[in-house]
Amino acid sequence: MRRKRMLWVVLLVVPLVLLAADTLYWWIAARNLQQGFADWAALQRANGRTERNDATTLGGWPLAATLTVPAISLAGGSREVAGSIDWNAERIVLRVALTRPALLEILAEGRQQLRLGGYPGVPYTAGRLHLLMPLQATEWPSFIQVDADTLRADTPAGTASLREAQLRLDFHPGARAGEPVLAASVHVEDASLPPGMVRPLGPSVADLEAKAILNGPLPAGGRPAEAAASWRDGGGSLEVRHLALSWGPLALTASATLALDDQLQPMGAGNARIVGYAETLDALAAHSMISRSAATAAKAVLSLLANAPDEGSPPEVEVPLTLQYRTLSMRQVPLLRLPELDWP
């Protein structure tokens, strides 16, 4: 009889203790989340930015601590300054899962708008816009990961959209010369380009994937041109380790290493494997992105180098590419001249 009573006591007390412990754990995590957001907002204002939001709400019990922040806006700098950013959203939700207390999730919901520099603001919506980063007391997070789907933006050139996108950034701020400061990977599927934009290969990009490494040293603060020069003089470079693009007739895979020349313009060299080169060159020439003479010369060279796969597949070719003095060339054949990069 006594054993049965003890069993009933255990069955009643243990769940209550676990419930109390979970509630206390949630309360501590929620208060830390609330205080962390308040500290972040104060830091933005101390750095000259304007941050506003409506009253916040705690929630998420019993599995997570959440902080819902409605009508949030962040503005930094004058609209005439190239590096200024304005952003606002109907609502964001900060979430820390109680099983993963070292990770912060940020979900941006509702209609949002982003403005960079002196450009017009771009309103956008997304079925899901999710950011993941570690909770740590350092200036730079070790990583940031962004996932989005059914993103739709109203740009000055018209409506743009994409079905799915992922971005991952890994930071190593203490890197020395020649060491990776930033590793980035991006993957975009079914991106529709705005109708007011030049779309030589069609209205949508089926797939884009890239992996790149930015080698140090990390430039000190200051004007963008001074930071870029410091990075260049320290041996900085950008390694595009993998680039894959499927757009209209073009199927491209490439890799390259880029740096800045003495005029702070991109320069470098790489290799590309191209399928659909003839149709691509014709389309670029038709939209005046390259000259017809350059397209004809490039097609002649590529035709000599191309391999014709079996079973009637389109020919493919692998060629070296160089970028020097803002001119992209393929085997000594100039293809196009890039616009000058104007550093503020």
C-alpha atoms as a PDB file:
ATOM      1  CA  MET A   1       0.000   0.000   0.000  1.00  0.00           C
ATOM      2  CA  ARG A   2       2.807   2.377   0.967  1.00  0.00           C
ATOM      3  CA  ARG A   3       4.588   1.651  -2.348  1.00  0.00           C
ATOM      4  CA  LYS A   4       1.449   2.581  -4.267  1.00  0.00           C
ATOM      5  CA  ARG A   5       1.220   5.867  -2.387  1.00  0.00           C
ATOM      6  CA  MET A   6       4.858   6.609  -3.138  1.00  0.00           C
ATOM      7  CA  LEU A   7       4.296   5.814  -6.782  1.00  0.00           C
ATOM      8  CA  TRP A   8       1.347   8.191  -6.949  1.00  0.00           C
ATOM      9  CA  VAL A   9       3.348  10.887  -5.204  1.00  0.00           C
ATOM     10  CA  VAL A  10       6.168  10.453  -7.708  1.00  0.00           C
ATOM     11  CA  LEU A  11       3.751  10.519 -10.640  1.00  0.00           C
ATOM     12  CA  LEU A  12       2.226  13.753  -9.354  1.00  0.00           C
ATOM     13  CA  VAL A  13       5.312  15.551  -8.054  1.00  0.00           C
ATOM     14  CA  VAL A  14       7.818  14.850 -10.825  1.00  0.00           C
ATOM     15  CA  PRO A  15       5.700  16.433 -13.626  1.00  0.00           C
ATOM     16  CA  LEU A  16       5.060  19.460 -11.408  1.00  0.00           C
ATOM     17  CA  VAL A  17       8.775  19.840 -10.697  1.00  0.00           C
ATOM     18  CA  LEU A  18       9.619  19.503 -14.388  1.00  0.00           C
ATOM     19  CA  LEU A  19       6.906  22.011 -15.275  1.00  0.00           C
ATOM     20  CA  ALA A  20       8.197  24.468 -12.683  1.00  0.00           C
ATOM     21  CA  ALA A  21      11.779  24.032 -13.893  1.00  0.00           C
ATOM     22  CA  ASP A  22      10.746  24.555 -17.522  1.00  0.00           C
ATOM     23  CA  THR A  23       8.761  27.663 -16.574  1.00  0.00           C
ATOM     24  CA  LEU A  24      11.696  29.101 -14.639  1.00  0.00           C
ATOM     25  CA  TYR A  25      14.073  28.306 -17.510  1.00  0.00           C
ATOM     26  CA  TRP A  26      11.679  29.954 -19.988  1.00  0.00           C
ATOM     27  CA  TRP A  27      11.313  33.044 -17.785  1.00  0.00           C
ATOM     28  CA  ILE A  28      15.104  33.491 -17.517  1.00  0.00           C
ATOM     29  CA  ALA A  29      15.576  33.001 -21.274  1.00  0.00           C
ATOM     30  CA  ALA A  30      12.705  35.352 -22.111  1.00  0.00           C
ATOM     31  CA  ARG A  31      13.991  38.094 -19.820  1.00  0.00           C
ATOM     32  CA  ASN A  32      17.501  37.723 -21.278  1.00  0.00           C
ATOM     33  CA  LEU A  33      16.024  37.972 -24.759  1.00  0.00           C
ATOM     34  CA  GLN A  34      14.094  41.099 -23.829  1.00  0.00           C
ATOM     35  CA  GLN A  35      17.144  42.699 -22.211  1.00  0.00           C
ATOM     36  CA  GLY A  36      19.349  41.750 -25.153  1.00  0.00           C
ATOM     37  CA  PHE A  37      16.996  43.461 -27.586  1.00  0.00           C
ATOM     38  CA  ALA A  38      16.877  46.575 -25.399  1.00  0.00           C
ATOM     39  CA  ASP A  39      20.688  46.654 -25.278  1.00  0.00           C
ATOM     40  CA  TRP A  40      20.866  46.269 -29.070  1.00  0.00           C
ATOM     41  CA  ALA A  41      18.393  49.130 -29.597  1.00  0.00           C
ATOM     42  CA  ALA A  42      20.373  51.362 -27.230  1.00  0.00           C
ATOM     43  CA  LEU A  43      23.590  50.543 -29.085  1.00  0.00           C
ATOM     44  CA  GLN A  44      21.998  51.527 -32.420  1.00  0.00           C
ATOM     45  CA  ARG A  45      20.954  54.881 -31.019  1.00  0.00           C
ATOM     46  CA  ALA A  46      24.397  55.406 -29.468  1.00  0.00           C
ATOM     47  CA  ASN A  47      25.952  54.817 -32.906  1.00  0.00           C
ATOM     48  CA  GLY A  48      23.801  57.492 -34.524  1.00  0.00           C
ATOM     49  CA  ARG A  49      21.071  55.266 -35.917  1.00  0.00           C
ATOM     50  CA  THR A  50      17.366  55.702 -35.289  1.00  0.00           C
ATOM     51  CA  GLU A  51      15.499  52.655 -33.966  1.00  0.00           C
ATOM     52  CA  ARG A  52      11.779  52.578 -33.256  1.00  0.00           C
ATOM     53  CA  ASN A  53       9.310  49.844 -32.406  1.00  0.00           C
ATOM     54  CA  ASP A  54       5.943  49.315 -30.740  1.00  0.00           C
ATOM     55  CA  ALA A  55       5.489  47.492 -27.440  1.00  0.00           C
ATOM     56  CA  THR A  56       7.094  44.027 -27.371  1.00  0.00           C
ATOM     57  CA  THR A  57       5.448  40.784 -26.239  1.00  0.00           C
ATOM     58  CA  LEU A  58       7.016  37.713 -24.649  1.00  0.00           C
ATOM     59  CA  GLY A  59       5.823  34.212 -25.542  1.00  0.00           C
ATOM     60  CA  GLY A  60       6.830  30.804 -26.837  1.00  0.00           C
ATOM     61  CA  TRP A  61       6.416  28.780 -23.626  1.00  0.00           C
ATOM     62  CA  PRO A  62       7.039  25.855 -23.087  1.00  0.00           C
ATOM     63  CA  LEU A  63       9.471  25.026 -25.928  1.00  0.00           C
ATOM     64  CA  ALA A  64      11.059  28.408 -26.651  1.00  0.00           C
ATOM     65  CA  ALA A  65      11.415  31.987 -25.515  1.00  0.00           C
ATOM     66  CA  THR A  66      10.115  34.473 -28.082  1.00  0.00           C
ATOM     67  CA  LEU A  67       9.993  38.239 -28.256  1.00  0.00           C
ATOM     68  CA  THR A  68       7.580  39.744 -30.787  1.00  0.00           C
ATOM     69  CA  VAL A  69       8.548  43.256 -31.901  1.00  0.00           C
ATOM     70  CA  PRO A  70       5.856  45.015 -33.983  1.00  0.00           C
ATOM     71  CA  ALA A  71       6.335  48.012 -36.274  1.00  0.00           C
ATOM     72  CA  ILE A  72      10.133  48.068 -36.111  1.00  0.00           C
ATOM     73  CA  SER A  73      12.249  50.500 -38.120  1.00  0.00           C
ATOM     74  CA  LEU A  74      15.970  51.177 -38.303  1.00  0.00           C
ATOM     75  CA  ALA A  75      17.569  54.138 -40.074  1.00  0.00           C
ATOM     76  CA  GLY A  76      21.241  54.988 -40.293  1.00  0.00           C
ATOM     77  CA  GLY A  77      22.823  58.036 -41.867  1.00  0.00           C
ATOM     78  CA  SER A  78      21.626  60.612 -44.359  1.00  0.00           C
ATOM     79  CA  ARG A  79      19.772  59.551 -47.483  1.00  0.00           C
ATOM     80  CA  GLU A  80      22.506  61.201 -49.530  1.00  0.00           C
ATOM     81  CA  VAL A  81      25.240  59.037 -47.988  1.00  0.00           C
ATOM     82  CA  ALA A  82      26.098  55.936 -50.023  1.00  0.00           C
ATOM     83  CA  GLY A  83      26.532  53.667 -47.007  1.00  0.00           C
ATOM     84  CA  SER A  84      23.285  54.567 -45.233  1.00  0.00           C
ATOM     85  CA  ILE A  85      20.584  51.956 -44.698  1.00  0.00           C
ATOM     86  CA  ASP A  86      16.892  52.254 -43.832  1.00  0.00           C
ATOM     87  CA  TRP A  87      14.833  49.155 -43.017  1.00  0.00           C
ATOM     88  CA  ASN A  88      11.410  48.575 -41.542  1.00  0.00           C
ATOM     89  CA  ALA A  89       9.062  45.640 -41.020  1.00  0.00           C
ATOM     90  CA  GLU A  90       5.556  45.076 -39.763  1.00  0.00           C
ATOM     91  CA  ARG A  91       6.883  42.622 -37.216  1.00  0.00           C
ATOM     92  CA  ILE A  92       9.900  40.552 -36.214  1.00  0.00           C
ATOM     93  CA  VAL A  93       9.997  37.584 -33.854  1.00  0.00           C
ATOM     94  CA  LEU A  94      13.156  36.810 -31.890  1.00  0.00           C
ATOM     95  CA  ARG A  95      13.258  33.169 -30.794  1.00  0.00           C
ATOM     96  CA  VAL A  96      15.579  31.078 -28.645  1.00  0.00           C
ATOM     97  CA  ALA A  97      14.683  27.391 -28.475  1.00  0.00           C
ATOM     98  CA  LEU A  98      15.155  26.090 -24.930  1.00  0.00           C
ATOM     99  CA  THR A  99      16.959  23.055 -26.353  1.00  0.00           C
ATOM    100  CA  ARG A 100      19.381  25.337 -28.301  1.00  0.00           C
ATOM    101  CA  PRO A 101      20.033  28.288 -25.952  1.00  0.00           C
ATOM    102  CA  ALA A 102      23.177  29.418 -27.810  1.00  0.00           C
ATOM    103  CA  LEU A 103      21.338  30.174 -31.082  1.00  0.00           C
ATOM    104  CA  LEU A 104      19.122  33.150 -31.926  1.00  0.00           C
ATOM    105  CA  GLU A 105      16.456  32.921 -34.611  1.00  0.00           C
ATOM    106  CA  ILE A 106      14.970  36.061 -36.175  1.00  0.00           C
ATOM    107  CA  LEU A 107      11.829  35.832 -38.287  1.00  0.00           C
ATOM    108  CA  ALA A 108      10.801  38.939 -40.223  1.00  0.00           C
ATOM    109  CA  GLU A 109       7.084  38.942 -41.010  1.00  0.00           C
ATOM    110  CA  GLY A 110       4.643  41.047 -42.958  1.00  0.00           C
ATOM    111  CA  ARG A 111       5.481  43.824 -45.392  1.00  0.00           C
ATOM    112  CA  GLN A 112       9.007  45.195 -45.194  1.00  0.00           C
ATOM    113  CA  GLN A 113      11.082  47.858 -46.948  1.00  0.00           C
ATOM    114  CA  LEU A 114      14.810  48.328 -47.516  1.00  0.00           C
ATOM    115  CA  ARG A 115      16.600  51.438 -48.765  1.00  0.00           C
ATOM    116  CA  LEU A 116      20.332  51.603 -49.507  1.00  0.00           C
ATOM    117  CA  GLY A 117      22.127  54.934 -49.840  1.00  0.00           C
ATOM    118  CA  GLY A 118      20.337  57.442 -52.018  1.00  0.00           C
ATOM    119  CA  TYR A 119      18.341  54.806 -53.907  1.00  0.00           C
ATOM    120  CA  PRO A 120      14.551  54.529 -53.591  1.00  0.00           C
ATOM    121  CA  GLY A 121      13.174  52.192 -50.970  1.00  0.00           C
ATOM    122  CA  VAL A 122      12.236  48.680 -52.114  1.00  0.00           C
ATOM    123  CA  PRO A 123       9.154  47.148 -50.443  1.00  0.00           C
ATOM    124  CA  TYR A 124       9.074  43.363 -50.275  1.00  0.00           C
ATOM    125  CA  THR A 125       7.307  40.397 -48.714  1.00  0.00           C
ATOM    126  CA  ALA A 126       8.308  36.784 -48.151  1.00  0.00           C
ATOM    127  CA  GLY A 127       6.516  33.598 -47.257  1.00  0.00           C
ATOM    128  CA  ARG A 128       9.399  32.927 -44.886  1.00  0.00           C
ATOM    129  CA  LEU A 129      12.410  35.065 -44.027  1.00  0.00           C
ATOM    130  CA  HIS A 130      14.492  33.410 -41.328  1.00  0.00           C
ATOM    131  CA  LEU A 131      17.872  34.432 -39.893  1.00  0.00           C
ATOM    132  CA  LEU A 132      19.972  32.227 -37.605  1.00  0.00           C
ATOM    133  CA  MET A 133      23.015  33.393 -35.664  1.00  0.00           C
ATOM    134  CA  PRO A 134      24.819  32.522 -32.424  1.00  0.00           C
ATOM    135  CA  LEU A 135      24.191  34.376 -29.187  1.00  0.00           C
ATOM    136  CA  GLN A 136      27.635  35.560 -28.168  1.00  0.00           C
ATOM    137  CA  ALA A 137      29.170  38.631 -26.588  1.00  0.00           C
ATOM    138  CA  THR A 138      31.502  39.492 -29.476  1.00  0.00           C
ATOM    139  CA  GLU A 139      31.475  42.228 -32.096  1.00  0.00           C
ATOM    140  CA  TRP A 140      31.262  39.736 -34.975  1.00  0.00           C
ATOM    141  CA  PRO A 141      29.103  36.589 -34.889  1.00  0.00           C
ATOM    142  CA  SER A 142      30.844  33.396 -35.941  1.00  0.00           C
ATOM    143  CA  PHE A 143      28.185  32.890 -38.625  1.00  0.00           C
ATOM    144  CA  ILE A 144      24.913  34.194 -40.049  1.00  0.00           C
ATOM    145  CA  GLN A 145      22.500  32.054 -42.044  1.00  0.00           C
ATOM    146  CA  VAL A 146      19.510  33.438 -43.945  1.00  0.00           C
ATOM    147  CA  ASP A 147      16.742  31.355 -45.537  1.00  0.00           C
ATOM    148  CA  ALA A 148      13.936  32.814 -47.640  1.00  0.00           C
ATOM    149  CA  ASP A 149      11.160  31.531 -49.843  1.00  0.00           C
ATOM    150  CA  THR A 150       8.477  33.106 -52.063  1.00  0.00           C
ATOM    151  CA  LEU A 151      10.218  36.472 -51.846  1.00  0.00           C
ATOM    152  CA  ARG A 152       8.629  39.272 -53.879  1.00  0.00           C
ATOM    153  CA  ALA A 153      10.051  42.804 -54.234  1.00  0.00           C
ATOM    154  CA  ASP A 154       8.669  45.891 -55.966  1.00  0.00           C
ATOM    155  CA  THR A 155      11.764  47.524 -57.458  1.00  0.00           C
ATOM    156  CA  PRO A 156      11.906  50.685 -59.591  1.00  0.00           C
ATOM    157  CA  ALA A 157      12.415  48.372 -62.592  1.00  0.00           C
ATOM    158  CA  GLY A 158       9.305  46.326 -61.750  1.00  0.00           C
ATOM    159  CA  THR A 159       8.451  43.286 -59.668  1.00  0.00           C
ATOM    160  CA  ALA A 160      11.165  40.722 -58.908  1.00  0.00           C
ATOM    161  CA  SER A 161      10.661  37.412 -57.140  1.00  0.00           C
ATOM    162  CA  LEU A 162      12.357  34.168 -56.205  1.00  0.00           C
ATOM    163  CA  ARG A 163      11.120  30.806 -55.048  1.00  0.00           C
ATOM    164  CA  GLU A 164      13.886  29.942 -52.627  1.00  0.00           C
ATOM    165  CA  ALA A 165      17.209  31.351 -51.431  1.00  0.00           C
ATOM    166  CA  GLN A 166      19.843  30.477 -48.830  1.00  0.00           C
ATOM    167  CA  LEU A 167      22.800  32.561 -47.699  1.00  0.00           C
ATOM    168  CA  ARG A 168      25.512  31.505 -45.239  1.00  0.00           C
ATOM    169  CA  LEU A 169      28.316  33.771 -43.970  1.00  0.00           C
ATOM    170  CA  ASP A 170      31.124  32.531 -41.707  1.00  0.00           C
ATOM    171  CA  PHE A 171      33.271  35.247 -40.117  1.00  0.00           C
ATOM    172  CA  HIS A 172      36.907  35.073 -38.996  1.00  0.00           C
ATOM    173  CA  PRO A 173      37.694  38.690 -38.006  1.00  0.00           C
ATOM    174  CA  GLY A 174      41.091  37.819 -36.517  1.00  0.00           C
ATOM    175  CA  ALA A 175      42.435  36.489 -39.822  1.00  0.00           C
ATOM    176  CA  ARG A 176      45.821  37.694 -41.005  1.00  0.00           C
ATOM    177  CA  ALA A 177      47.031  38.410 -44.530  1.00  0.00           C
ATOM    178  CA  GLY A 178      46.165  35.551 -46.838  1.00  0.00           C
ATOM    179  CA  GLU A 179      43.814  33.919 -44.335  1.00  0.00           C
ATOM    180  CA  PRO A 180      40.018  33.690 -44.806  1.00  0.00           C
ATOM    181  CA  VAL A 181      38.164  36.592 -43.213  1.00  0.00           C
ATOM    182  CA  LEU A 182      34.800  35.603 -44.630  1.00  0.00           C
ATOM    183  CA  ALA A 183      33.439  32.448 -46.222  1.00  0.00           C
ATOM    184  CA  ALA A 184      30.182  32.867 -48.128  1.00  0.00           C
ATOM    185  CA  SER A 185      27.806  30.520 -49.898  1.00  0.00           C
ATOM    186  CA  VAL A 186      24.569  31.368 -51.687  1.00  0.00           C
ATOM    187  CA  HIS A 187      21.945  29.359 -53.530  1.00  0.00           C
ATOM    188  CA  VAL A 188      18.985  30.865 -55.407  1.00  0.00           C
ATOM    189  CA  GLU A 189      16.266  28.992 -57.285  1.00  0.00           C
ATOM    190  CA  ASP A 190      13.696  30.323 -59.764  1.00  0.00           C
ATOM    191  CA  ALA A 191      14.503  34.033 -59.628  1.00  0.00           C
ATOM    192  CA  SER A 192      12.289  36.215 -61.833  1.00  0.00           C
ATOM    193  CA  LEU A 193      13.974  39.443 -62.919  1.00  0.00           C
ATOM    194  CA  PRO A 194      12.040  42.754 -63.115  1.00  0.00           C
ATOM    195  CA  PRO A 195      10.769  43.650 -66.599  1.00  0.00           C
ATOM    196  CA  GLY A 196      12.492  47.037 -66.584  1.00  0.00           C
ATOM    197  CA  MET A 197      15.894  45.386 -66.231  1.00  0.00           C
ATOM    198  CA  VAL A 198      17.979  44.178 -69.157  1.00  0.00           C
ATOM    199  CA  ARG A 199      17.376  40.425 -69.336  1.00  0.00           C
ATOM    200  CA  PRO A 200      19.425  39.191 -72.282  1.00  0.00           C
ATOM    201  CA  LEU A 201      19.049  35.488 -71.469  1.00  0.00           C
ATOM    202  CA  GLY A 202      15.408  35.485 -70.442  1.00  0.00           C
ATOM    203  CA  PRO A 203      13.093  36.735 -67.690  1.00  0.00           C
ATOM    204  CA  SER A 204      14.159  34.226 -65.020  1.00  0.00           C
ATOM    205  CA  VAL A 205      17.281  32.582 -63.637  1.00  0.00           C
ATOM    206  CA  ALA A 206      16.603  28.903 -62.981  1.00  0.00           C
ATOM    207  CA  ASP A 207      19.476  28.327 -60.578  1.00  0.00           C
ATOM    208  CA  LEU A 208      22.434  30.210 -59.103  1.00  0.00           C
ATOM    209  CA  GLU A 209      24.960  28.737 -56.707  1.00  0.00           C
ATOM    210  CA  ALA A 210      28.207  30.263 -55.469  1.00  0.00           C
ATOM    211  CA  LYS A 211      30.862  29.606 -52.848  1.00  0.00           C
ATOM    212  CA  ALA A 212      33.556  32.186 -52.163  1.00  0.00           C
ATOM    213  CA  ILE A 213      36.331  33.026 -49.698  1.00  0.00           C
ATOM    214  CA  LEU A 214      37.388  36.585 -48.852  1.00  0.00           C
ATOM    215  CA  ASN A 215      41.008  36.577 -47.732  1.00  0.00           C
ATOM    216  CA  GLY A 216      42.337  39.097 -45.228  1.00  0.00           C
ATOM    217  CA  PRO A 217      43.371  41.133 -43.608  1.00  0.00           C
ATOM    218  CA  LEU A 218      40.105  42.701 -42.493  1.00  0.00           C
ATOM    219  CA  PRO A 219      40.374  46.414 -43.324  1.00  0.00           C
ATOM    220  CA  ALA A 220      40.109  48.955 -40.553  1.00  0.00           C
ATOM    221  CA  GLY A 221      37.266  51.461 -40.470  1.00  0.00           C
ATOM    222  CA  GLY A 222      37.196  54.626 -42.525  1.00  0.00           C
ATOM    223  CA  ARG A 223      35.988  55.615 -45.930  1.00  0.00           C
ATOM    224  CA  PRO A 224      35.194  52.745 -48.315  1.00  0.00           C
ATOM    225  CA  ALA A 225      37.976  53.707 -50.734  1.00  0.00           C
ATOM    226  CA  GLU A 226      40.540  53.822 -47.918  1.00  0.00           C
ATOM    227  CA  ALA A 227      39.347  50.465 -46.534  1.00  0.00           C
ATOM    228  CA  ALA A 228      39.510  48.894 -50.006  1.00  0.00           C
ATOM    229  CA  ALA A 229      43.037  50.209 -50.559  1.00  0.00           C
ATOM    230  CA  SER A 230      44.122  48.900 -47.161  1.00  0.00           C
ATOM    231  CA  TRP A 231      42.676  45.482 -47.971  1.00  0.00           C
ATOM    232  CA  ARG A 232      44.407  45.433 -51.378  1.00  0.00           C
ATOM    233  CA  ASP A 233      47.756  46.558 -49.978  1.00  0.00           C
ATOM    234  CA  GLY A 234      47.540  43.839 -47.333  1.00  0.00           C
ATOM    235  CA  GLY A 235      47.270  41.157 -50.003  1.00  0.00           C
ATOM    236  CA  GLY A 236      43.497  40.773 -49.881  1.00  0.00           C
ATOM    237  CA  SER A 237      41.813  38.612 -52.508  1.00  0.00           C
ATOM    238  CA  LEU A 238      38.474  37.011 -53.328  1.00  0.00           C
ATOM    239  CA  GLU A 239      38.445  33.339 -54.271  1.00  0.00           C
ATOM    240  CA  VAL A 240      35.306  32.277 -56.121  1.00  0.00           C
ATOM    241  CA  ARG A 241      35.734  28.563 -55.577  1.00  0.00           C
ATOM    242  CA  HIS A 242      32.506  27.549 -57.266  1.00  0.00           C
ATOM    243  CA  LEU A 243      29.988  29.404 -59.411  1.00  0.00           C
ATOM    244  CA  ALA A 244      27.134  27.656 -61.202  1.00  0.00           C
ATOM    245  CA  LEU A 245      24.531  29.518 -63.255  1.00  0.00           C
ATOM    246  CA  SER A 246      21.590  28.238 -65.265  1.00  0.00           C
ATOM    247  CA  TRP A 247      19.903  31.086 -67.146  1.00  0.00           C
ATOM    248  CA  GLY A 248      18.049  30.620 -70.396  1.00  0.00           C
ATOM    249  CA  PRO A 249      20.360  28.885 -72.905  1.00  0.00           C
ATOM    250  CA  LEU A 250      23.394  29.272 -70.645  1.00  0.00           C
ATOM    251  CA  ALA A 251      24.732  26.615 -68.277  1.00  0.00           C
ATOM    252  CA  LEU A 252      27.919  27.902 -66.669  1.00  0.00           C
ATOM    253  CA  THR A 253      30.293  26.598 -64.021  1.00  0.00           C
ATOM    254  CA  ALA A 254      33.345  28.665 -63.132  1.00  0.00           C
ATOM    255  CA  SER A 255      36.006  29.505 -60.564  1.00  0.00           C
ATOM    256  CA  ALA A 256      38.217  32.572 -60.261  1.00  0.00           C
ATOM    257  CA  THR A 257      40.549  34.583 -58.049  1.00  0.00           C
ATOM    258  CA  LEU A 258      39.991  38.339 -57.934  1.00  0.00           C
ATOM    259  CA  ALA A 259      41.744  41.326 -56.378  1.00  0.00           C
ATOM    260  CA  LEU A 260      41.891  45.121 -56.822  1.00  0.00           C
ATOM    261  CA  ASP A 261      44.329  46.914 -59.132  1.00  0.00           C
ATOM    262  CA  ASP A 262      46.082  50.220 -58.507  1.00  0.00           C
ATOM    263  CA  GLN A 263      42.870  52.070 -59.492  1.00  0.00           C
ATOM    264  CA  LEU A 264      40.787  49.957 -57.063  1.00  0.00           C
ATOM    265  CA  GLN A 265      39.130  48.169 -59.982  1.00  0.00           C
ATOM    266  CA  PRO A 266      38.563  44.396 -60.023  1.00  0.00           C
ATOM    267  CA  MET A 267      41.159  42.246 -61.756  1.00  0.00           C
ATOM    268  CA  GLY A 268      41.786  38.527 -61.837  1.00  0.00           C
ATOM    269  CA  ALA A 269      41.695  35.272 -63.728  1.00  0.00           C
ATOM    270  CA  GLY A 270      39.633  32.116 -63.779  1.00  0.00           C
ATOM    271  CA  ASN A 271      38.240  29.227 -65.774  1.00  0.00           C
ATOM    272  CA  ALA A 272      34.734  28.587 -67.053  1.00  0.00           C
ATOM    273  CA  ARG A 273      32.906  25.598 -68.474  1.00  0.00           C
ATOM    274  CA  ILE A 274      30.127  26.788 -70.786  1.00  0.00           C
ATOM    275  CA  VAL A 275      27.170  25.089 -72.431  1.00  0.00           C
ATOM    276  CA  GLY A 276      25.022  27.129 -74.820  1.00  0.00           C
ATOM    277  CA  TYR A 277      27.777  29.616 -75.629  1.00  0.00           C
ATOM    278  CA  ALA A 278      26.603  30.427 -79.167  1.00  0.00           C
ATOM    279  CA  GLU A 279      23.047  31.331 -78.132  1.00  0.00           C
ATOM    280  CA  THR A 280      24.366  33.246 -75.137  1.00  0.00           C
ATOM    281  CA  LEU A 281      26.781  35.345 -77.193  1.00  0.00           C
ATOM    282  CA  ASP A 282      24.082  36.099 -79.779  1.00  0.00           C
ATOM    283  CA  ALA A 283      21.694  37.210 -77.022  1.00  0.00           C
ATOM    284  CA  LEU A 284      24.331  39.435 -75.385  1.00  0.00           C
ATOM    285  CA  ALA A 285      25.111  41.055 -78.738  1.00  0.00           C
ATOM    286  CA  ALA A 286      21.407  41.555 -79.499  1.00  0.00           C
ATOM    287  CA  HIS A 287      21.036  43.470 -76.218  1.00  0.00           C
ATOM    288  CA  SER A 288      24.210  45.520 -76.934  1.00  0.00           C
ATOM    289  CA  MET A 289      25.983  44.083 -73.899  1.00  0.00           C
ATOM    290  CA  ILE A 290      28.882  43.049 -76.115  1.00  0.00           C
ATOM    291  CA  SER A 291      29.684  44.087 -79.678  1.00  0.00           C
ATOM    292  CA  ARG A 292      28.663  41.844 -82.558  1.00  0.00           C
ATOM    293  CA  SER A 293      32.292  41.626 -83.661  1.00  0.00           C
ATOM    294  CA  ALA A 294      33.286  40.386 -80.191  1.00  0.00           C
ATOM    295  CA  ALA A 295      30.458  37.840 -80.256  1.00  0.00           C
ATOM    296  CA  THR A 296      31.519  36.581 -83.692  1.00  0.00           C
ATOM    297  CA  ALA A 297      35.180  36.305 -82.682  1.00  0.00           C
ATOM    298  CA  ALA A 298      34.323  34.535 -79.418  1.00  0.00           C
ATOM    299  CA  LYS A 299      32.046  32.040 -81.166  1.00  0.00           C
ATOM    300  CA  ALA A 300      34.768  31.248 -83.698  1.00  0.00           C
ATOM    301  CA  VAL A 301      37.317  30.564 -80.957  1.00  0.00           C
ATOM    302  CA  LEU A 302      34.894  28.560 -78.823  1.00  0.00           C
ATOM    303  CA  SER A 303      33.757  26.436 -81.769  1.00  0.00           C
ATOM    304  CA  LEU A 304      37.351  25.294 -82.291  1.00  0.00           C
ATOM    305  CA  LEU A 305      37.694  24.360 -78.615  1.00  0.00           C
ATOM    306  CA  ALA A 306      34.269  22.867 -78.009  1.00  0.00           C
ATOM    307  CA  ASN A 307      33.585  19.214 -77.304  1.00  0.00           C
ATOM    308  CA  ALA A 308      30.413  17.603 -78.615  1.00  0.00           C
ATOM    309  CA  PRO A 309      29.059  15.140 -76.023  1.00  0.00           C
ATOM    310  CA  ASP A 310      27.371  11.946 -77.068  1.00  0.00           C
ATOM    311  CA  GLU A 311      23.647  11.474 -77.682  1.00  0.00           C
ATOM    312  CA  GLY A 312      23.138  14.823 -79.345  1.00  0.00           C
ATOM    313  CA  SER A 313      23.762  16.993 -76.266  1.00  0.00           C
ATOM    314  CA  PRO A 314      24.768  20.612 -76.924  1.00  0.00           C
ATOM    315  CA  PRO A 315      28.496  21.308 -77.262  1.00  0.00           C
ATOM    316  CA  GLU A 316      30.427  22.438 -74.203  1.00  0.00           C
ATOM    317  CA  VAL A 317      33.717  24.250 -73.854  1.00  0.00           C
ATOM    318  CA  GLU A 318      36.177  25.053 -71.072  1.00  0.00           C
ATOM    319  CA  VAL A 319      38.126  28.292 -71.420  1.00  0.00           C
ATOM    320  CA  PRO A 320      40.333  30.619 -69.360  1.00  0.00           C
ATOM    321  CA  LEU A 321      39.011  34.100 -68.541  1.00  0.00           C
ATOM    322  CA  THR A 322      40.925  37.215 -67.498  1.00  0.00           C
ATOM    323  CA  LEU A 323      39.765  40.535 -66.091  1.00  0.00           C
ATOM    324  CA  GLN A 324      42.203  43.417 -66.469  1.00  0.00           C
ATOM    325  CA  TYR A 325      41.688  47.166 -66.844  1.00  0.00           C
ATOM    326  CA  ARG A 326      37.921  46.525 -66.511  1.00  0.00           C
ATOM    327  CA  THR A 327      37.953  44.333 -69.646  1.00  0.00           C
ATOM    328  CA  LEU A 328      36.790  40.727 -69.505  1.00  0.00           C
ATOM    329  CA  SER A 329      38.633  38.625 -72.074  1.00  0.00           C
ATOM    330  CA  MET A 330      38.547  35.019 -73.194  1.00  0.00           C
ATOM    331  CA  ARG A 331      41.761  33.655 -74.709  1.00  0.00           C
ATOM    332  CA  GLN A 332      42.944  37.134 -75.695  1.00  0.00           C
ATOM    333  CA  VAL A 333      39.517  37.969 -77.179  1.00  0.00           C
ATOM    334  CA  PRO A 334      37.922  40.989 -75.395  1.00  0.00           C
ATOM    335  CA  LEU A 335      34.286  40.270 -74.562  1.00  0.00           C
ATOM    336  CA  LEU A 336      33.020  43.295 -72.658  1.00  0.00           C
ATOM    337  CA  ARG A 337      34.172  46.319 -70.732  1.00  0.00           C
ATOM    338  CA  LEU A 338      32.835  46.663 -67.215  1.00  0.00           C
ATOM    339  CA  PRO A 339      31.645  50.000 -65.811  1.00  0.00           C
ATOM    340  CA  GLU A 340      34.038  51.737 -63.461  1.00  0.00           C
ATOM    341  CA  LEU A 341      33.617  50.862 -59.801  1.00  0.00           C
ATOM    342  CA  ASP A 342      33.063  54.196 -58.065  1.00  0.00           C
ATOM    343  CA  TRP A 343      34.139  54.065 -54.440  1.00  0.00           C
ATOM    344  CA  PRO A 344      32.433  56.648 -52.192  1.00  0.00           C
END
